[in-house]
Structure formats: C-alpha cells, structure tokens
Amino acid sequence: MAQSFDFRKLLWVTPAGEAAAAPQMRGAAQRVQERLVAPRSQGEAAQLKSLLAKRVSALAVPGNARAPHQPLSHLPPLSSP
C-alpha cells in the first residue's frame, strides 16, 4: 500500500519573535484597514468589519484545517473610520 505524505510545513512564531514583530504588523494592519474603509460610509465600514470578523471567526473553529494557530482575541479591536 502506498504511503501518503503531507509536505506542508507549519510554522509558529515564538513569543519573542511575536513581540519583536508586533509593532510593524500592527502598523501595516492599520494602514490596510484605513485603505479598505476610507472610501466607505460609516455604515458600510461597520458592515465590512462585521463581515470580516465573521469570516475570521469561522476560520478559528476547532478542527478547521485552516484555523489560525492562536485565537485572534488577543488582537486590539478594529478602529472606526
């Protein structure tokens, strides 16, 4: 019987690496967020954020192969436009 191999690599950031990279990641995330919500009304921006949060939550379901390694609850909430 032939063996099945999974060649995907899983990587985790160490706590020290996360602490070192967090300021840059937060800044980059904030800039992307601003570009996404800038052309939208407050209502549309709120709806977009709600839909994106729903999608991220769906990915974090236990047993989901694409679930993030760490829940996103440690991240600051999205800011309003």
Foldseek 3Di string as FASTA:
>chain_A
DDDDDDPDDDDDADPVRCVVCVVVVVVVVLVVLCVVPVVDDQVVSVVVLVVVVVVLVVLCPPPRPNHDPDDPPVPDRRDGD
